[in-house]
Protein backbone atom coordinates (compact mmCIF):
# COMPACT_ATOMS: atom_id res chain seq x y z
CA UNK A 1 5.65 57.15 138.46
CA UNK A 2 4.79 59.99 140.86
CA UNK A 3 6.63 63.16 139.92
CA UNK A 4 7.05 62.27 136.27
CA UNK A 5 5.28 65.41 135.05
CA UNK A 6 6.35 68.08 132.60
CA UNK A 7 7.42 71.60 133.50
CA UNK A 8 4.20 72.79 131.87
CA UNK A 9 2.05 70.60 134.12
CA UNK A 10 4.03 71.62 137.20
CA UNK A 11 3.56 75.28 136.30
CA UNK A 12 -0.18 74.77 135.86
CA UNK A 13 -0.39 73.32 139.36
CA UNK A 14 1.79 76.10 140.81
CA UNK A 15 -0.51 78.69 139.24
CA UNK A 16 -3.62 76.91 140.57
CA UNK A 17 -2.22 76.76 144.10
CA UNK A 18 -0.96 80.36 143.99
CA UNK A 19 -4.37 81.72 143.06
CA UNK A 20 -6.12 79.46 145.56
CA UNK A 21 -3.87 80.65 148.39
CA UNK A 22 -4.34 84.27 147.33
CA UNK A 23 -8.12 83.87 147.49
CA UNK A 24 -7.86 82.33 150.95
CA UNK A 25 -5.50 85.09 152.13
CA UNK A 26 -7.93 87.76 151.00
CA UNK A 27 -10.81 86.07 152.83
CA UNK A 28 -8.95 85.84 156.10
CA UNK A 29 -8.41 88.51 158.72
CA UNK A 30 -4.85 88.41 160.04
CA UNK A 31 -4.63 88.57 163.81
CA UNK A 32 -1.19 87.90 165.25
CA UNK A 33 -1.14 85.88 168.45
CA UNK A 34 -0.11 87.55 171.69
CA UNK A 35 1.66 84.37 172.84
CA UNK A 36 3.24 82.99 169.68
CA UNK A 37 5.15 84.61 166.78
CA UNK A 38 2.87 82.90 164.27
CA UNK A 39 4.12 84.45 161.02
CA UNK A 40 7.73 83.89 162.09
CA UNK A 41 7.29 80.21 162.87
CA UNK A 42 5.29 79.53 159.70
CA UNK A 43 8.12 80.86 157.52
CA UNK A 44 10.69 78.80 159.45
CA UNK A 45 8.58 75.66 159.10
CA UNK A 46 8.16 76.16 155.37
CA UNK A 47 11.92 76.45 154.93
CA UNK A 48 12.41 73.15 156.75
CA UNK A 49 9.81 71.46 154.54
CA UNK A 50 11.48 72.63 151.34
CA UNK A 51 15.10 73.62 151.95
CA UNK A 52 15.94 70.56 154.05
CA UNK A 53 13.82 68.28 151.82
CA UNK A 54 11.94 67.24 154.97
CA UNK A 55 8.60 66.75 153.26
CA UNK A 56 10.09 65.06 150.21
CA UNK A 57 12.14 62.57 152.24
CA UNK A 58 9.08 61.43 154.19
CA UNK A 59 6.52 61.36 151.40
CA UNK A 60 8.89 59.65 148.97
CA UNK A 61 9.05 56.66 151.34
CA UNK A 62 5.30 56.75 151.99
CA UNK A 63 4.59 56.67 148.24
CA UNK A 64 6.57 53.44 147.85
CA UNK A 65 3.93 51.68 149.97
CA UNK A 66 0.63 53.51 149.46
CA UNK A 67 -0.64 55.76 146.68
CA UNK A 68 -1.96 59.31 147.28
CA UNK A 69 -5.21 58.17 145.68
CA UNK A 70 -5.67 55.55 148.38
CA UNK A 71 -4.73 57.99 151.16
CA UNK A 72 -7.45 60.33 149.88
CA UNK A 73 -10.09 57.60 149.93
CA UNK A 74 -9.17 56.38 153.42
CA UNK A 75 -10.08 59.78 154.86
CA UNK A 76 -13.64 59.98 153.53
CA UNK A 77 -15.13 59.82 157.02
CA UNK A 78 -15.89 62.07 159.96
CA UNK A 79 -12.99 62.50 162.40
CA UNK A 80 -10.52 61.40 159.74
CA UNK A 81 -6.82 61.28 160.45
CA UNK A 82 -6.12 63.64 157.53
CA UNK A 83 -8.54 66.16 156.04
CA UNK A 84 -8.87 68.95 153.49
CA UNK A 85 -6.77 71.31 155.63
CA UNK A 86 -3.88 68.82 155.68
CA UNK A 87 -4.16 68.18 151.95
CA UNK A 88 -4.23 71.88 151.08
CA UNK A 89 -1.31 72.57 153.43
CA UNK A 90 0.66 69.77 151.75
CA UNK A 91 1.27 71.83 148.61
CA UNK A 92 0.88 75.35 149.99
CA UNK A 93 3.52 75.14 152.74
CA UNK A 94 6.08 73.38 150.54
CA UNK A 95 5.68 76.03 147.84
CA UNK A 96 5.87 78.75 150.49
CA UNK A 97 9.31 77.49 151.52
CA UNK A 98 10.35 77.16 147.87
CA UNK A 99 9.28 80.74 147.11
CA UNK A 100 11.36 82.09 150.00
CA UNK A 101 14.45 80.31 148.72
CA UNK A 102 13.91 81.33 145.08
CA UNK A 103 13.29 84.97 146.05
CA UNK A 104 16.47 85.00 148.15
CA UNK A 105 18.50 83.42 145.33
CA UNK A 106 17.20 85.95 142.81
CA UNK A 107 18.17 88.80 145.14
CA UNK A 108 21.66 87.31 145.61
CA UNK A 109 22.11 87.05 141.86
CA UNK A 110 21.01 90.66 141.42
CA UNK A 111 23.60 91.63 144.05
CA UNK A 112 26.36 90.13 141.92
CA UNK A 113 26.67 86.49 143.09
CA UNK A 114 26.97 85.09 139.57
CA UNK A 115 27.44 81.48 140.69
CA UNK A 116 23.99 81.31 142.36
CA UNK A 117 21.64 78.69 140.89
CA UNK A 118 18.08 79.94 141.26
CA UNK A 119 16.57 76.44 141.40
CA UNK A 120 18.74 73.35 141.30
CA UNK A 121 17.74 70.33 139.23
CA UNK A 122 17.28 68.14 142.30
CA UNK A 123 14.92 70.72 143.77
CA UNK A 124 12.90 70.80 140.55
CA UNK A 125 12.54 67.02 140.82
CA UNK A 126 11.38 67.28 144.45
CA UNK A 127 8.88 70.04 143.58
CA UNK A 128 7.36 68.00 140.75
CA UNK A 129 7.03 65.00 143.05
CA UNK A 130 5.23 67.00 145.76
CA UNK A 131 2.94 68.69 143.22
CA UNK A 132 2.03 65.42 141.51
CA UNK A 133 1.38 63.66 144.81
CA UNK A 134 -0.80 66.58 145.98
CA UNK A 135 -2.82 66.65 142.75
CA UNK A 136 -4.00 63.07 143.43
CA UNK A 137 -5.13 63.55 147.04
CA UNK A 138 -8.24 65.75 147.02
CA UNK A 139 -9.80 64.39 143.81
CA UNK A 140 -10.05 61.03 145.61
CA UNK A 141 -11.15 62.62 148.89
CA UNK A 142 -13.71 65.16 147.73
CA UNK A 143 -17.03 63.98 146.28
CA UNK A 144 -16.70 66.33 143.29
CA UNK A 145 -13.24 65.13 142.25
CA UNK A 146 -11.78 68.65 142.45
CA UNK A 147 -8.36 69.64 143.81
CA UNK A 148 -9.64 72.71 145.68
CA UNK A 149 -12.84 74.03 147.26
CA UNK A 150 -13.44 76.27 144.28
CA UNK A 151 -17.23 76.13 144.71
CA UNK A 152 -17.10 76.97 148.42
CA UNK A 153 -17.94 73.45 149.60
CA UNK A 154 -16.02 70.66 151.31
CA UNK A 155 -18.05 67.49 150.83
CA UNK A 156 -16.47 64.05 151.08
CA UNK A 157 -18.91 61.88 153.04
CA UNK A 158 -20.89 59.29 151.05
CA UNK A 159 -24.63 59.94 150.85
CA UNK A 160 -25.55 56.90 152.92
CA UNK A 161 -23.25 58.07 155.73
CA UNK A 162 -24.85 61.52 155.72
CA UNK A 163 -28.33 59.97 155.93
CA UNK A 164 -27.24 57.74 158.82
CA UNK A 165 -25.78 60.63 160.79
CA UNK A 166 -28.86 62.81 160.26
CA UNK A 167 -31.02 60.04 161.72
CA UNK A 168 -28.96 60.19 164.95
CA UNK A 169 -29.41 63.92 165.47
CA UNK A 170 -31.82 65.41 168.01
CA UNK A 171 -34.02 68.48 168.09
CA UNK A 172 -32.69 71.58 169.82
CA UNK A 173 -33.90 73.80 172.62
CA UNK A 174 -32.55 77.21 173.73
CA UNK A 175 -30.63 75.84 176.72
CA UNK A 176 -28.85 73.21 174.58
CA UNK A 177 -27.88 75.79 171.95
CA UNK A 178 -26.52 78.06 174.68
CA UNK A 179 -24.44 75.25 176.13
CA UNK A 180 -23.25 74.24 172.64
CA UNK A 181 -22.00 77.78 171.94
CA UNK A 182 -20.01 77.80 175.19
CA UNK A 183 -18.58 74.35 174.48
CA UNK A 184 -17.52 75.36 170.96
CA UNK A 185 -15.86 78.48 172.38
CA UNK A 186 -13.87 76.50 174.92
CA UNK A 187 -12.94 73.76 172.45
CA UNK A 188 -11.77 76.38 169.97
CA UNK A 189 -9.62 78.16 172.57
CA UNK A 190 -8.17 74.88 173.81
CA UNK A 191 -7.27 73.56 170.36
CA UNK A 192 -5.81 76.88 169.25
CA UNK A 193 -3.51 77.01 172.25
CA UNK A 194 -2.51 73.34 171.89
CA UNK A 195 -1.56 74.11 168.27
CA UNK A 196 0.46 77.27 168.98
CA UNK A 197 -2.48 79.51 168.08
CA UNK A 198 -3.29 78.05 164.66
CA UNK A 199 -6.31 76.14 163.32
CA UNK A 200 -4.77 72.68 163.31
CA UNK A 201 -7.18 70.34 165.08
CA UNK A 202 -10.27 72.34 164.09
CA UNK A 203 -12.04 71.42 160.87
CA UNK A 204 -15.37 72.59 159.40
CA UNK A 205 -17.04 71.17 156.31
CA UNK A 206 -20.25 70.86 154.34
CA UNK A 207 -22.89 71.85 153.50
CA UNK A 208 -24.82 68.65 152.73
CA UNK A 209 -28.40 68.64 151.53
CA UNK A 210 -30.98 66.94 153.74
CA UNK A 211 -34.43 65.55 152.93
CA UNK A 212 -36.02 68.70 154.33
CA UNK A 213 -36.33 71.52 151.76
CA UNK A 214 -34.13 74.53 152.57
CA UNK A 215 -32.26 72.64 155.30
CA UNK A 216 -28.53 71.80 155.16
CA UNK A 217 -26.15 69.80 157.34
CA UNK A 218 -22.74 71.10 158.44
CA UNK A 219 -20.01 69.66 160.66
CA UNK A 220 -17.43 71.08 163.03
CA UNK A 221 -14.67 68.81 164.36
CA UNK A 222 -12.28 69.21 167.27
CA UNK A 223 -9.44 66.72 166.96
CA UNK A 224 -6.41 65.81 169.05
CA UNK A 225 -8.00 66.09 172.49
CA UNK A 226 -5.50 64.59 174.93
CA UNK A 227 -6.73 61.39 176.59
CA UNK A 228 -3.33 60.31 177.89
CA UNK A 229 -3.00 57.76 175.12
CA UNK A 230 -0.80 58.13 172.06
CA UNK A 231 -2.40 56.45 169.05
CA UNK A 232 -0.28 54.17 166.87
CA UNK A 233 2.96 54.95 168.71
CA UNK A 234 3.47 58.04 166.56
CA UNK A 235 4.22 60.29 169.54
CA UNK A 236 1.58 62.74 168.32
CA UNK A 237 2.03 65.01 171.32
CA UNK A 238 5.65 65.99 170.75
CA UNK A 239 5.70 69.09 172.92
CA UNK A 240 5.43 68.40 176.63
CA UNK A 241 2.87 71.15 177.21
CA UNK A 242 0.35 69.21 175.09
CA UNK A 243 0.53 66.29 177.55
CA UNK A 244 -1.60 67.90 180.23
CA UNK A 245 -2.30 66.41 183.62
CA UNK A 246 -6.00 66.80 182.89
CA UNK A 247 -7.33 64.26 180.40
CA UNK A 248 -10.16 64.39 177.91
CA UNK A 249 -12.87 61.71 178.13
CA UNK A 250 -12.75 61.31 174.32
CA UNK A 251 -10.02 61.82 171.68
CA UNK A 252 -12.18 64.01 169.45
CA UNK A 253 -15.67 65.40 169.14
CA UNK A 254 -17.58 65.89 165.91
CA UNK A 255 -20.56 68.25 166.04
CA UNK A 256 -23.22 68.15 163.35
CA UNK A 257 -25.85 70.85 162.92
CA UNK A 258 -28.77 71.12 160.53
CA UNK A 259 -29.59 74.71 159.59
CA UNK A 260 -32.53 76.42 157.95
CA UNK A 261 -32.92 79.78 156.22
CA UNK A 262 -29.20 80.46 155.80
CA UNK A 263 -28.36 83.26 153.38
CA UNK A 264 -24.77 82.11 152.87
CA UNK A 265 -22.54 79.15 153.69
CA UNK A 266 -19.06 79.10 152.23
CA UNK A 267 -15.96 77.03 153.03
CA UNK A 268 -12.36 77.73 152.14
CA UNK A 269 -9.67 75.08 151.67
CA UNK A 270 -8.49 75.50 155.24
CA UNK A 271 -11.75 74.14 156.60
CA UNK A 272 -13.13 77.48 157.74
CA UNK A 273 -16.83 78.27 157.43
CA UNK A 274 -18.10 81.71 156.43
CA UNK A 275 -21.81 82.24 156.94
CA UNK A 276 -24.60 84.75 156.85
CA UNK A 277 -25.81 85.20 159.49
CA UNK A 278 -22.44 84.70 161.22
CA UNK A 279 -24.22 83.68 164.43
CA UNK A 280 -26.67 81.05 163.23
CA UNK A 281 -27.88 79.94 166.67
CA UNK A 282 -31.48 80.67 165.71
CA UNK A 283 -31.12 78.72 162.47
CA UNK A 284 -30.19 75.39 164.10
CA UNK A 285 -32.90 72.76 163.81
CA UNK A 286 -31.06 69.69 165.13
CA UNK A 287 -27.69 68.74 166.63
CA UNK A 288 -25.61 65.57 166.71
CA UNK A 289 -22.48 64.62 168.64
CA UNK A 290 -20.05 61.83 167.76
CA UNK A 291 -16.56 60.66 168.54
CA UNK A 292 -14.37 58.60 166.23
CA UNK A 293 -12.46 55.68 167.72
CA UNK A 294 -9.26 55.46 165.68
CA UNK A 295 -7.89 52.40 164.00
CA UNK A 296 -4.39 52.32 162.57
CA UNK A 297 -4.37 54.14 159.21
CA UNK A 298 -2.62 51.22 157.49
CA UNK A 299 -5.63 49.06 158.36
CA UNK A 300 -8.28 51.50 157.08
CA UNK A 301 -10.14 50.52 153.91
CA UNK A 302 -12.71 52.56 152.03
CA UNK A 303 -15.70 52.32 152.21
CA UNK A 304 -16.35 49.65 154.82
CA UNK A 305 -13.49 49.87 157.31
CA UNK A 306 -13.01 53.49 158.36
CA UNK A 307 -13.16 53.21 162.15
CA UNK A 308 -15.94 53.07 164.71
CA UNK A 309 -18.17 56.14 165.05
CA UNK A 310 -19.90 56.48 168.42
CA UNK A 311 -23.02 58.59 168.75
CA UNK A 312 -22.93 60.71 171.95
CA UNK A 313 -25.64 62.53 173.84
CA UNK A 314 -25.35 66.12 175.02
CA UNK A 315 -24.20 64.96 178.48
CA UNK A 316 -20.69 64.88 177.00
CA UNK A 317 -20.59 68.69 176.89
CA UNK A 318 -20.09 69.26 180.63
CA UNK A 319 -16.97 67.04 181.04
CA UNK A 320 -15.58 68.33 177.72
CA UNK A 321 -15.97 71.95 178.84
CA UNK A 322 -14.32 71.18 182.17
CA UNK A 323 -11.43 69.45 180.39
CA UNK A 324 -10.96 72.40 178.02
CA UNK A 325 -10.95 74.98 180.82
CA UNK A 326 -8.48 73.01 182.94
CA UNK A 327 -6.31 72.24 179.93
CA UNK A 328 -6.23 75.91 178.92
CA UNK A 329 -5.14 76.98 182.39
CA UNK A 330 -2.43 74.35 182.53
CA UNK A 331 -1.02 75.04 179.06
CA UNK A 332 -1.10 78.83 179.48
CA UNK A 333 0.95 78.71 182.68
CA UNK A 334 3.50 76.44 180.97
CA UNK A 335 3.79 78.50 177.79
CA UNK A 336 4.15 81.78 179.67
CA UNK A 337 7.56 80.67 180.95
CA UNK A 338 9.02 79.85 177.50
CA UNK A 339 11.69 81.72 175.59
CA UNK A 340 11.27 82.77 171.94
CA UNK A 341 12.97 79.67 170.48
CA UNK A 342 10.61 77.28 172.24
CA UNK A 343 7.56 79.29 171.17
CA UNK A 344 8.76 79.22 167.58
CA UNK A 345 9.46 75.50 167.69
CA UNK A 346 5.98 74.76 169.09
CA UNK A 347 4.56 76.34 165.94
CA UNK A 348 7.18 74.74 163.70
CA UNK A 349 6.11 71.38 165.11
CA UNK A 350 2.52 71.97 163.94
CA UNK A 351 3.49 73.23 160.49
CA UNK A 352 6.10 70.57 159.68
CA UNK A 353 4.94 67.47 161.49
CA UNK A 354 1.60 67.37 159.73
CA UNK A 355 3.81 65.36 157.33
CA UNK A 356 4.23 62.80 160.09
CA UNK A 357 0.49 62.13 159.85
CA UNK A 358 1.03 60.59 156.40
CA UNK A 359 3.56 58.05 157.70
CA UNK A 360 1.13 55.71 159.53
CA UNK A 361 -0.82 55.13 156.30
CA UNK A 362 2.30 53.33 155.09
CA UNK A 363 3.09 51.82 158.50
CA UNK A 364 6.19 54.04 158.74
CA UNK A 365 5.37 55.99 161.89
CA UNK A 366 8.40 54.54 163.73
CA UNK A 367 10.88 54.93 160.87
CA UNK A 368 11.89 58.45 161.93
CA UNK A 369 12.44 60.33 165.17
CA UNK A 370 9.83 63.09 165.15
CA UNK A 371 11.20 64.67 168.32
CA UNK A 372 13.78 66.84 166.51
CA UNK A 373 11.64 69.90 167.36
CA UNK A 374 12.72 69.51 170.98
CA UNK A 375 16.34 68.97 169.90
CA UNK A 376 16.39 72.47 168.43
CA UNK A 377 15.20 73.88 171.76
CA UNK A 378 18.04 72.00 173.50
CA UNK A 379 20.58 72.89 170.79
CA UNK A 380 21.48 69.26 170.10
CA UNK A 381 21.66 67.25 166.88
CA UNK A 382 20.14 63.78 167.00
CA UNK A 383 17.86 63.60 163.97
CA UNK A 384 18.78 62.45 160.47
CA UNK A 385 15.75 64.36 159.14
CA UNK A 386 16.52 67.94 160.18
CA UNK A 387 19.72 69.90 160.79
CA UNK A 388 19.47 71.86 164.04
CA UNK A 389 21.99 74.54 163.04
CA UNK A 390 20.10 75.25 159.83
CA UNK A 391 16.84 75.63 161.75
CA UNK A 392 18.45 78.16 164.08
CA UNK A 393 19.80 79.98 161.03
CA UNK A 394 16.30 80.12 159.56
CA UNK A 395 14.98 81.59 162.81
CA UNK A 396 17.55 84.40 162.66
CA UNK A 397 17.06 85.08 158.94
CA UNK A 398 13.26 85.19 159.15
CA UNK A 399 13.53 87.40 162.22
CA UNK A 400 15.21 90.09 160.13
CA UNK A 401 11.95 90.65 158.22
CA UNK A 402 9.47 92.99 159.87
CA UNK A 403 6.82 90.92 161.61
CA UNK A 404 8.43 87.78 160.20
CA UNK A 405 6.82 88.52 156.81
CA UNK A 406 9.00 87.43 153.92
CA UNK A 407 9.03 90.02 151.11
CA UNK A 408 8.12 87.45 148.44
CA UNK A 409 4.54 87.61 149.82
CA UNK A 410 4.06 90.86 147.95
CA UNK A 411 3.82 88.77 144.78
CA UNK A 412 0.31 87.67 145.81
CA UNK A 413 -0.97 91.22 145.54
CA UNK A 414 0.23 92.12 142.05
CA UNK A 415 -2.19 92.80 139.21
CA UNK A 416 -3.95 89.78 137.72
CA UNK A 417 -2.14 90.09 134.38
CA UNK A 418 1.24 89.78 136.10
CA UNK A 419 0.07 86.86 138.23
CA UNK A 420 -1.19 84.98 135.18
CA UNK A 421 2.22 85.28 133.56
CA UNK A 422 4.29 84.82 136.71
CA UNK A 423 2.49 83.03 139.61
CA UNK A 424 3.13 84.07 143.19
CA UNK A 425 4.86 80.78 143.99
CA UNK A 426 7.15 81.01 140.93
CA UNK A 427 7.23 78.80 137.86
CA UNK A 428 9.85 76.10 137.54
CA UNK A 429 13.04 78.14 137.05
CA UNK A 430 15.24 77.86 133.95
């Protein structure tokens, strides 16, 4: 039974995730958005996931129908519905919300509230369930069976798929590389803005060895391009600004590049590539473009029924760039008129409703009303998943911290000896 793990096993997983997140924090430069209060909305989202049992309520029902092992296997394809970023976020964000609550409870107890329970038994049960479910995802998604990208790689495609994709790639010339760089820049800007200035919808992975000595294959995906269609009836585009008048010709684009003479290629668990040289334009030897035509996740089967992959030629870049530019203009004008609550809820939508992406794998995408994010903006209560008043309380409480940074985060930067004994995300509390 999922969640039937000991405190010792739960603490091992909490320690693993704490150190993994710390490593990723240290490798990331923090740049706060000028449009969105990113840190603020992340902390609010994490509280919803944990404190309101949002993630547990959804995943508990999903697990009755499909195992995490099977979910992992069904995403071993390019343009997958879920990827390493989603799987890593699954545990990280839940534990982030848990750590905020535990820290606050400890502070209340220190202040003299003797009746405070640091971690209730029901919450321990939920935490063990989420940790156990998470521990079974990546080992069945990644080719190496690991839970994290500890070796700096994200490789999940079968070898025969890699060989097939390489055969569809074409040689490069300077004009194509120049156009590719501009397209990637516009796609990145568009997807960041559509996701409240976070990386959701952008995923990088690899490197894969090729048959040419010293040459590797990497991929960069841009997902969630708005075609006007809403796959599976999930209402994926919950915020109106994402439903632009301009439409993309394809729902996603996957870009493959073979590279030679790279000094460094490293991936973190959030699907971000770090390379040396950082601009590897002159190292590209071939390029491939694909789009993935989605099938309903409940119908996916590994390895032979993962959805149709269409090979594209570079003519797709011009309409994609035009779409991105027009979409950016349209979204920016809309967002500029918003108040703080709506900007926060746009980010909360991204950081909580990644859970909604698990529901279709169990055929449960219509079981819940995912539009509660808009209810908070309208100050109404319609959802049985989330309490609007509590969300507004979170927004106020998080806003009291400078820059929206919760003080528990300081635990990540303690000496190693202290972290080994007491992980940043807290052991199961006695």
